[in-house]
N, C-alpha and C. Protein backbone atom coordinates (compact mmCIF):
# COMPACT_ATOMS: atom_id res chain seq x y z
N UNK A 1 83.81 127.35 64.32
CA UNK A 1 84.03 128.48 65.18
C UNK A 1 84.77 129.58 64.40
N UNK A 2 86.09 129.42 64.24
CA UNK A 2 86.90 130.41 63.56
C UNK A 2 87.15 131.60 64.44
N UNK A 3 87.99 132.46 63.94
CA UNK A 3 88.28 133.65 64.73
C UNK A 3 87.47 134.82 64.18
N UNK A 4 87.20 135.77 65.04
CA UNK A 4 86.38 136.91 64.66
C UNK A 4 87.05 137.78 63.61
N UNK A 5 88.37 137.88 63.65
CA UNK A 5 89.05 138.77 62.73
C UNK A 5 88.89 138.32 61.28
N UNK A 6 88.68 137.03 61.05
CA UNK A 6 88.44 136.56 59.68
C UNK A 6 87.18 137.19 59.11
N UNK A 7 86.16 137.33 59.93
CA UNK A 7 84.89 137.90 59.47
C UNK A 7 84.86 139.42 59.64
N UNK A 8 85.46 139.89 60.72
CA UNK A 8 85.43 141.31 61.05
C UNK A 8 86.86 141.78 61.30
N UNK A 9 87.54 142.28 60.28
CA UNK A 9 88.97 142.60 60.40
C UNK A 9 89.31 143.64 61.47
N UNK A 10 88.38 144.45 61.91
CA UNK A 10 88.70 145.52 62.84
C UNK A 10 88.22 145.23 64.26
N UNK A 11 88.21 143.99 64.66
CA UNK A 11 87.77 143.61 66.00
C UNK A 11 88.79 144.12 67.02
N UNK A 12 88.30 144.64 68.15
CA UNK A 12 89.19 145.20 69.16
C UNK A 12 89.80 144.11 70.04
N UNK A 13 90.80 144.51 70.82
CA UNK A 13 91.53 143.56 71.67
C UNK A 13 90.64 142.93 72.73
N UNK A 14 89.69 143.68 73.28
CA UNK A 14 88.81 143.13 74.31
C UNK A 14 87.98 141.98 73.76
N UNK A 15 87.57 142.10 72.51
CA UNK A 15 86.80 141.03 71.88
C UNK A 15 87.67 139.79 71.71
N UNK A 16 88.91 140.00 71.28
CA UNK A 16 89.83 138.88 71.15
C UNK A 16 90.13 138.25 72.51
N UNK A 17 90.29 139.08 73.52
CA UNK A 17 90.53 138.55 74.87
C UNK A 17 89.38 137.64 75.30
N UNK A 18 88.16 138.10 75.09
CA UNK A 18 86.99 137.30 75.45
C UNK A 18 86.93 136.01 74.63
N UNK A 19 87.28 136.11 73.35
CA UNK A 19 87.28 134.93 72.49
C UNK A 19 88.31 133.92 72.97
N UNK A 20 89.50 134.38 73.31
CA UNK A 20 90.56 133.49 73.79
C UNK A 20 90.14 132.81 75.10
N UNK A 21 89.51 133.57 75.98
CA UNK A 21 89.06 132.98 77.25
C UNK A 21 87.98 131.93 77.01
N UNK A 22 87.04 132.22 76.14
CA UNK A 22 85.97 131.26 75.84
C UNK A 22 86.54 130.00 75.19
N UNK A 23 87.42 130.19 74.22
CA UNK A 23 87.99 129.04 73.52
C UNK A 23 88.85 128.18 74.44
N UNK A 24 89.59 128.79 75.34
CA UNK A 24 90.44 128.00 76.23
C UNK A 24 89.60 127.18 77.21
N UNK A 25 88.50 127.74 77.68
CA UNK A 25 87.60 126.99 78.57
C UNK A 25 86.98 125.81 77.83
N UNK A 26 86.58 126.04 76.58
CA UNK A 26 86.01 124.93 75.78
C UNK A 26 87.06 123.87 75.50
N UNK A 27 88.28 124.29 75.20
CA UNK A 27 89.36 123.32 74.93
C UNK A 27 89.59 122.44 76.14
N UNK A 28 89.61 123.05 77.32
CA UNK A 28 89.80 122.27 78.55
C UNK A 28 88.67 121.26 78.72
N UNK A 29 87.45 121.69 78.45
CA UNK A 29 86.31 120.79 78.59
C UNK A 29 86.43 119.63 77.61
N UNK A 30 86.75 119.91 76.35
CA UNK A 30 86.90 118.84 75.36
C UNK A 30 88.02 117.88 75.74
N UNK A 31 89.10 118.42 76.30
CA UNK A 31 90.21 117.57 76.73
C UNK A 31 89.75 116.61 77.83
N UNK A 32 89.06 117.13 78.83
CA UNK A 32 88.60 116.29 79.94
C UNK A 32 87.52 115.30 79.52
N UNK A 33 86.71 115.68 78.54
CA UNK A 33 85.67 114.77 78.06
C UNK A 33 86.21 113.79 77.03
N UNK A 34 87.49 113.91 76.73
CA UNK A 34 88.16 113.03 75.76
C UNK A 34 87.50 113.10 74.39
N UNK A 35 87.08 114.29 74.00
CA UNK A 35 86.50 114.54 72.68
C UNK A 35 87.61 115.06 71.78
N UNK A 36 88.39 114.14 71.26
CA UNK A 36 89.63 114.47 70.55
C UNK A 36 89.40 115.39 69.36
N UNK A 37 88.44 115.08 68.52
CA UNK A 37 88.21 115.92 67.33
C UNK A 37 87.82 117.34 67.71
N UNK A 38 86.91 117.48 68.66
CA UNK A 38 86.51 118.82 69.11
C UNK A 38 87.68 119.54 69.76
N UNK A 39 88.48 118.81 70.54
CA UNK A 39 89.65 119.41 71.19
C UNK A 39 90.62 119.95 70.14
N UNK A 40 90.92 119.14 69.15
CA UNK A 40 91.87 119.57 68.12
C UNK A 40 91.35 120.78 67.34
N UNK A 41 90.06 120.79 67.03
CA UNK A 41 89.47 121.95 66.33
C UNK A 41 89.55 123.20 67.20
N UNK A 42 89.24 123.04 68.48
CA UNK A 42 89.26 124.19 69.39
C UNK A 42 90.69 124.71 69.58
N UNK A 43 91.65 123.80 69.70
CA UNK A 43 93.05 124.21 69.84
C UNK A 43 93.50 124.96 68.59
N UNK A 44 93.13 124.46 67.42
CA UNK A 44 93.51 125.13 66.18
C UNK A 44 92.90 126.53 66.10
N UNK A 45 91.63 126.63 66.45
CA UNK A 45 90.95 127.92 66.43
C UNK A 45 91.57 128.88 67.46
N UNK A 46 91.86 128.36 68.63
CA UNK A 46 92.48 129.16 69.69
C UNK A 46 93.89 129.60 69.29
N UNK A 47 94.64 128.71 68.68
CA UNK A 47 95.99 129.05 68.23
C UNK A 47 95.94 130.15 67.17
N UNK A 48 94.96 130.07 66.30
CA UNK A 48 94.80 131.09 65.26
C UNK A 48 94.46 132.44 65.90
N UNK A 49 93.54 132.43 66.85
CA UNK A 49 93.18 133.67 67.55
C UNK A 49 94.39 134.25 68.29
N UNK A 50 95.13 133.39 68.98
CA UNK A 50 96.31 133.85 69.72
C UNK A 50 97.37 134.43 68.79
N UNK A 51 97.57 133.79 67.65
CA UNK A 51 98.59 134.28 66.72
C UNK A 51 98.22 135.66 66.20
N UNK A 52 96.93 135.91 66.00
CA UNK A 52 96.50 137.23 65.55
C UNK A 52 96.73 138.28 66.63
N UNK A 53 96.43 137.93 67.87
CA UNK A 53 96.63 138.88 68.98
C UNK A 53 98.11 139.13 69.20
N UNK A 54 98.93 138.10 69.05
CA UNK A 54 100.37 138.24 69.29
C UNK A 54 101.07 139.11 68.25
N UNK A 55 100.39 139.44 67.17
CA UNK A 55 100.99 140.32 66.16
C UNK A 55 101.10 141.76 66.66
N UNK A 56 100.32 142.09 67.69
CA UNK A 56 100.39 143.43 68.26
C UNK A 56 101.62 143.51 69.16
N UNK A 57 102.35 144.59 69.04
CA UNK A 57 103.60 144.74 69.80
C UNK A 57 103.38 144.72 71.31
N UNK A 58 102.24 145.19 71.76
CA UNK A 58 102.00 145.29 73.20
C UNK A 58 101.58 143.97 73.84
N UNK A 59 101.32 142.95 73.04
CA UNK A 59 100.83 141.67 73.57
C UNK A 59 101.97 140.66 73.62
N UNK A 60 102.11 140.01 74.77
CA UNK A 60 103.16 139.00 74.93
C UNK A 60 102.53 137.62 75.11
N UNK A 61 103.34 136.61 74.98
CA UNK A 61 102.88 135.24 75.22
C UNK A 61 102.39 135.09 76.66
N UNK A 62 103.07 135.75 77.59
CA UNK A 62 102.66 135.68 78.99
C UNK A 62 101.24 136.21 79.18
N UNK A 63 100.91 137.28 78.47
CA UNK A 63 99.56 137.84 78.54
C UNK A 63 98.53 136.82 78.06
N UNK A 64 98.83 136.16 76.94
CA UNK A 64 97.93 135.14 76.38
C UNK A 64 97.78 133.98 77.36
N UNK A 65 98.90 133.53 77.91
CA UNK A 65 98.87 132.41 78.87
C UNK A 65 98.04 132.80 80.09
N UNK A 66 98.22 134.02 80.59
CA UNK A 66 97.43 134.48 81.73
C UNK A 66 95.93 134.45 81.43
N UNK A 67 95.56 134.93 80.24
CA UNK A 67 94.14 134.90 79.84
C UNK A 67 93.60 133.47 79.85
N UNK A 68 94.35 132.57 79.24
CA UNK A 68 93.90 131.18 79.16
C UNK A 68 93.79 130.56 80.55
N UNK A 69 94.81 130.78 81.38
CA UNK A 69 94.81 130.18 82.72
C UNK A 69 93.67 130.72 83.58
N UNK A 70 93.44 132.02 83.52
CA UNK A 70 92.36 132.61 84.31
C UNK A 70 91.02 132.02 83.89
N UNK A 71 90.83 131.89 82.60
CA UNK A 71 89.58 131.34 82.09
C UNK A 71 89.41 129.88 82.51
N UNK A 72 90.47 129.09 82.34
CA UNK A 72 90.38 127.67 82.71
C UNK A 72 90.19 127.50 84.21
N UNK A 73 90.86 128.33 85.00
CA UNK A 73 90.71 128.26 86.46
C UNK A 73 89.28 128.56 86.87
N UNK A 74 88.70 129.61 86.29
CA UNK A 74 87.34 129.99 86.68
C UNK A 74 86.29 129.01 86.15
N UNK A 75 86.62 128.24 85.13
CA UNK A 75 85.66 127.29 84.56
C UNK A 75 85.91 125.85 84.96
N UNK A 76 86.94 125.60 85.75
CA UNK A 76 87.33 124.23 86.07
C UNK A 76 86.23 123.44 86.79
N UNK A 77 85.62 124.02 87.81
CA UNK A 77 84.59 123.30 88.57
C UNK A 77 83.38 122.97 87.70
N UNK A 78 82.99 123.91 86.84
CA UNK A 78 81.87 123.65 85.94
C UNK A 78 82.23 122.54 84.95
N UNK A 79 83.46 122.53 84.51
CA UNK A 79 83.91 121.47 83.60
C UNK A 79 83.86 120.12 84.29
N UNK A 80 84.29 120.07 85.55
CA UNK A 80 84.20 118.81 86.31
C UNK A 80 82.75 118.35 86.44
N UNK A 81 81.84 119.30 86.64
CA UNK A 81 80.41 118.94 86.71
C UNK A 81 79.95 118.34 85.38
N UNK A 82 80.43 118.92 84.27
CA UNK A 82 80.07 118.40 82.95
C UNK A 82 80.61 116.99 82.74
N UNK A 83 81.81 116.74 83.24
CA UNK A 83 82.39 115.40 83.14
C UNK A 83 81.56 114.43 83.97
N UNK A 84 81.17 114.84 85.17
CA UNK A 84 80.34 113.98 86.02
C UNK A 84 78.98 113.71 85.37
N UNK A 85 78.41 114.70 84.72
CA UNK A 85 77.14 114.50 84.02
C UNK A 85 77.31 113.48 82.89
N UNK A 86 78.43 113.55 82.19
CA UNK A 86 78.70 112.58 81.12
C UNK A 86 78.84 111.17 81.70
N UNK A 87 79.49 111.07 82.85
CA UNK A 87 79.63 109.77 83.53
C UNK A 87 78.25 109.24 83.92
N UNK A 88 77.44 110.10 84.52
CA UNK A 88 76.10 109.70 84.95
C UNK A 88 75.25 109.25 83.76
N UNK A 89 75.37 109.95 82.65
CA UNK A 89 74.63 109.58 81.44
C UNK A 89 75.08 108.22 80.93
N UNK A 90 76.38 107.99 80.92
CA UNK A 90 76.91 106.68 80.49
C UNK A 90 76.45 105.57 81.42
N UNK A 91 76.45 105.83 82.72
CA UNK A 91 75.98 104.82 83.69
C UNK A 91 74.51 104.50 83.48
N UNK A 92 73.73 105.54 83.23
CA UNK A 92 72.30 105.34 82.98
C UNK A 92 72.09 104.49 81.73
N UNK A 93 72.81 104.82 80.66
CA UNK A 93 72.71 104.03 79.42
C UNK A 93 73.15 102.59 79.65
N UNK A 94 74.23 102.44 80.39
CA UNK A 94 74.77 101.10 80.65
C UNK A 94 73.76 100.26 81.43
N UNK A 95 73.11 100.88 82.41
CA UNK A 95 72.13 100.16 83.22
C UNK A 95 70.90 99.75 82.41
N UNK A 96 70.61 100.48 81.34
CA UNK A 96 69.46 100.15 80.49
C UNK A 96 69.82 99.19 79.36
N UNK A 97 71.10 98.92 79.20
CA UNK A 97 71.56 98.06 78.11
C UNK A 97 71.36 96.59 78.46
N UNK A 98 70.88 95.85 77.49
CA UNK A 98 70.71 94.40 77.66
C UNK A 98 72.05 93.73 77.36
N UNK A 99 72.76 93.39 78.41
CA UNK A 99 74.11 92.84 78.24
C UNK A 99 74.12 91.40 77.75
N UNK A 100 72.97 90.74 77.76
CA UNK A 100 72.90 89.34 77.33
C UNK A 100 72.94 89.20 75.81
N UNK A 101 72.65 90.28 75.09
CA UNK A 101 72.69 90.22 73.63
C UNK A 101 74.10 90.58 73.15
N UNK A 102 74.40 90.20 71.92
CA UNK A 102 75.73 90.46 71.35
C UNK A 102 76.02 91.96 71.33
N UNK A 103 75.10 92.73 70.74
CA UNK A 103 75.32 94.17 70.63
C UNK A 103 75.21 94.86 71.98
N UNK A 104 74.34 94.37 72.82
CA UNK A 104 74.21 94.95 74.16
C UNK A 104 75.48 94.78 74.97
N UNK A 105 76.12 93.62 74.85
CA UNK A 105 77.38 93.37 75.55
C UNK A 105 78.49 94.29 75.06
N UNK A 106 78.54 94.48 73.73
CA UNK A 106 79.56 95.38 73.16
C UNK A 106 79.31 96.82 73.61
N UNK A 107 78.05 97.22 73.60
CA UNK A 107 77.72 98.58 74.02
C UNK A 107 78.05 98.79 75.50
N UNK A 108 77.76 97.81 76.32
CA UNK A 108 78.07 97.90 77.75
C UNK A 108 79.57 98.00 77.97
N UNK A 109 80.34 97.24 77.20
CA UNK A 109 81.81 97.32 77.30
C UNK A 109 82.31 98.70 76.89
N UNK A 110 81.76 99.22 75.80
CA UNK A 110 82.17 100.56 75.33
C UNK A 110 81.82 101.62 76.37
N UNK A 111 80.65 101.51 76.96
CA UNK A 111 80.25 102.47 78.00
C UNK A 111 81.14 102.34 79.23
N UNK A 112 81.51 101.13 79.59
CA UNK A 112 82.41 100.92 80.74
C UNK A 112 83.76 101.58 80.48
N UNK A 113 84.26 101.43 79.27
CA UNK A 113 85.54 102.06 78.92
C UNK A 113 85.43 103.58 78.96
N UNK A 114 84.33 104.11 78.43
CA UNK A 114 84.12 105.56 78.43
C UNK A 114 84.06 106.07 79.87
N UNK A 115 83.35 105.38 80.73
CA UNK A 115 83.24 105.77 82.13
C UNK A 115 84.62 105.77 82.79
N UNK A 116 85.42 104.75 82.52
CA UNK A 116 86.76 104.66 83.10
C UNK A 116 87.63 105.83 82.64
N UNK A 117 87.54 106.19 81.36
CA UNK A 117 88.32 107.31 80.83
C UNK A 117 87.89 108.62 81.49
N UNK A 118 86.59 108.80 81.64
CA UNK A 118 86.09 110.03 82.26
C UNK A 118 86.44 110.10 83.74
N UNK A 119 86.37 108.97 84.43
CA UNK A 119 86.76 108.94 85.85
C UNK A 119 88.24 109.29 85.99
N UNK A 120 89.05 108.78 85.09
CA UNK A 120 90.48 109.08 85.13
C UNK A 120 90.72 110.57 84.85
N UNK A 121 89.97 111.14 83.94
CA UNK A 121 90.12 112.56 83.61
C UNK A 121 89.81 113.44 84.81
N UNK A 122 88.84 113.03 85.63
CA UNK A 122 88.50 113.81 86.82
C UNK A 122 89.65 113.89 87.82
N UNK A 123 90.53 112.90 87.78
CA UNK A 123 91.64 112.84 88.74
C UNK A 123 92.88 113.61 88.28
N UNK A 124 92.87 114.12 87.07
CA UNK A 124 94.01 114.88 86.57
C UNK A 124 93.99 116.26 87.24
N UNK A 125 95.13 116.67 87.75
CA UNK A 125 95.17 117.95 88.47
C UNK A 125 95.02 119.13 87.50
N UNK A 126 94.40 120.21 87.96
CA UNK A 126 94.20 121.38 87.10
C UNK A 126 95.49 121.90 86.44
N UNK A 127 96.62 121.98 87.16
CA UNK A 127 97.83 122.48 86.50
C UNK A 127 98.26 121.62 85.30
N UNK A 128 98.07 120.31 85.41
CA UNK A 128 98.45 119.42 84.31
C UNK A 128 97.53 119.65 83.10
N UNK A 129 96.26 119.81 83.36
CA UNK A 129 95.30 120.07 82.28
C UNK A 129 95.62 121.39 81.59
N UNK A 130 95.82 122.42 82.39
CA UNK A 130 96.10 123.74 81.84
C UNK A 130 97.40 123.76 81.06
N UNK A 131 98.40 123.08 81.58
CA UNK A 131 99.68 123.00 80.88
C UNK A 131 99.50 122.35 79.51
N UNK A 132 98.71 121.30 79.45
CA UNK A 132 98.46 120.62 78.18
C UNK A 132 97.81 121.56 77.16
N UNK A 133 96.78 122.26 77.59
CA UNK A 133 96.07 123.19 76.69
C UNK A 133 97.02 124.30 76.24
N UNK A 134 97.72 124.91 77.18
CA UNK A 134 98.61 126.02 76.84
C UNK A 134 99.71 125.57 75.89
N UNK A 135 100.33 124.45 76.18
CA UNK A 135 101.39 123.95 75.29
C UNK A 135 100.86 123.65 73.90
N UNK A 136 99.71 122.99 73.83
CA UNK A 136 99.14 122.67 72.52
C UNK A 136 98.84 123.94 71.73
N UNK A 137 98.28 124.94 72.40
CA UNK A 137 97.94 126.20 71.73
C UNK A 137 99.19 126.93 71.26
N UNK A 138 100.16 127.12 72.16
CA UNK A 138 101.36 127.87 71.78
C UNK A 138 102.17 127.15 70.72
N UNK A 139 102.24 125.83 70.81
CA UNK A 139 102.96 125.07 69.80
C UNK A 139 102.30 125.23 68.44
N UNK A 140 100.98 125.11 68.41
CA UNK A 140 100.28 125.23 67.14
C UNK A 140 100.30 126.67 66.62
N UNK A 141 100.23 127.64 67.52
CA UNK A 141 100.30 129.04 67.09
C UNK A 141 101.64 129.32 66.42
N UNK A 142 102.70 128.75 66.97
CA UNK A 142 104.04 128.94 66.39
C UNK A 142 104.21 128.13 65.11
N UNK A 143 103.81 126.87 65.15
CA UNK A 143 104.06 125.98 64.01
C UNK A 143 103.13 126.23 62.82
N UNK A 144 101.84 126.35 63.07
CA UNK A 144 100.88 126.47 61.97
C UNK A 144 100.58 127.91 61.58
N UNK A 145 100.66 128.82 62.54
CA UNK A 145 100.23 130.19 62.28
C UNK A 145 101.39 131.18 62.38
N UNK A 146 102.59 130.67 62.54
CA UNK A 146 103.82 131.46 62.52
C UNK A 146 103.85 132.59 63.54
N UNK A 147 103.23 132.36 64.67
CA UNK A 147 103.27 133.35 65.75
C UNK A 147 104.65 133.32 66.40
N UNK A 148 105.08 134.47 66.85
CA UNK A 148 106.35 134.55 67.56
C UNK A 148 106.04 134.41 69.05
N UNK A 149 106.51 133.32 69.62
CA UNK A 149 106.27 133.02 71.03
C UNK A 149 107.50 133.42 71.82
N UNK A 150 107.33 134.32 72.77
CA UNK A 150 108.47 134.84 73.53
C UNK A 150 108.69 134.09 74.84
N UNK A 151 108.46 132.80 74.83
CA UNK A 151 108.74 131.95 75.98
C UNK A 151 109.05 130.57 75.43
N UNK A 152 109.89 129.84 76.12
CA UNK A 152 110.25 128.50 75.69
C UNK A 152 109.13 127.55 76.11
N UNK A 153 108.54 126.86 75.15
CA UNK A 153 107.37 126.02 75.42
C UNK A 153 107.66 124.90 76.41
N UNK A 154 108.88 124.41 76.41
CA UNK A 154 109.19 123.30 77.29
C UNK A 154 109.49 123.76 78.71
N UNK A 155 109.61 125.04 78.90
CA UNK A 155 109.84 125.58 80.23
C UNK A 155 108.58 126.23 80.78
N UNK A 156 107.44 125.84 80.22
CA UNK A 156 106.17 126.39 80.65
C UNK A 156 106.03 126.23 82.16
N UNK A 157 105.68 127.32 82.81
CA UNK A 157 105.45 127.27 84.24
C UNK A 157 104.31 128.21 84.57
N UNK A 158 103.26 127.67 85.08
CA UNK A 158 102.08 128.46 85.38
C UNK A 158 102.33 129.40 86.54
N UNK A 159 101.84 130.63 86.39
CA UNK A 159 101.95 131.60 87.47
C UNK A 159 100.68 131.63 88.32
N UNK A 160 99.57 131.20 87.76
CA UNK A 160 98.28 131.33 88.45
C UNK A 160 97.93 130.15 89.32
N UNK A 161 98.67 129.07 89.22
CA UNK A 161 98.28 127.87 89.95
C UNK A 161 99.30 127.55 91.01
């Protein structure tokens, strides 16, 4: 993915805003789908984008958090549908698996575990999910990309939820 400013140094704020919103929605989806590698890549990319935007004097951490929360809020139901589709796909695969064979039994067990993880993810409340994404992004923006965050990460409190 990467950030647009790496390729196009003169990208405007609206483009960055759209990028941050898109990346935060994807990060939430990867988190709920338990796709750890994709989640970590998306968080890193999002943190990099946020750190670039935060270099502008007129942009605050609250503005970035608002962008992320609005995007995640508007994409939450679609993300839940994607999680349900993943569950349905796993169930379909599990039903077609021959559990009497050695490998079939292992595959059925793995699919059962995946289904349980996805079912559990569906029960996590939106504020908890959003808090996780926001904290991960702001922490990484500060730690890896040296962004100045004007809010205490441990006192994160969502305004939109």
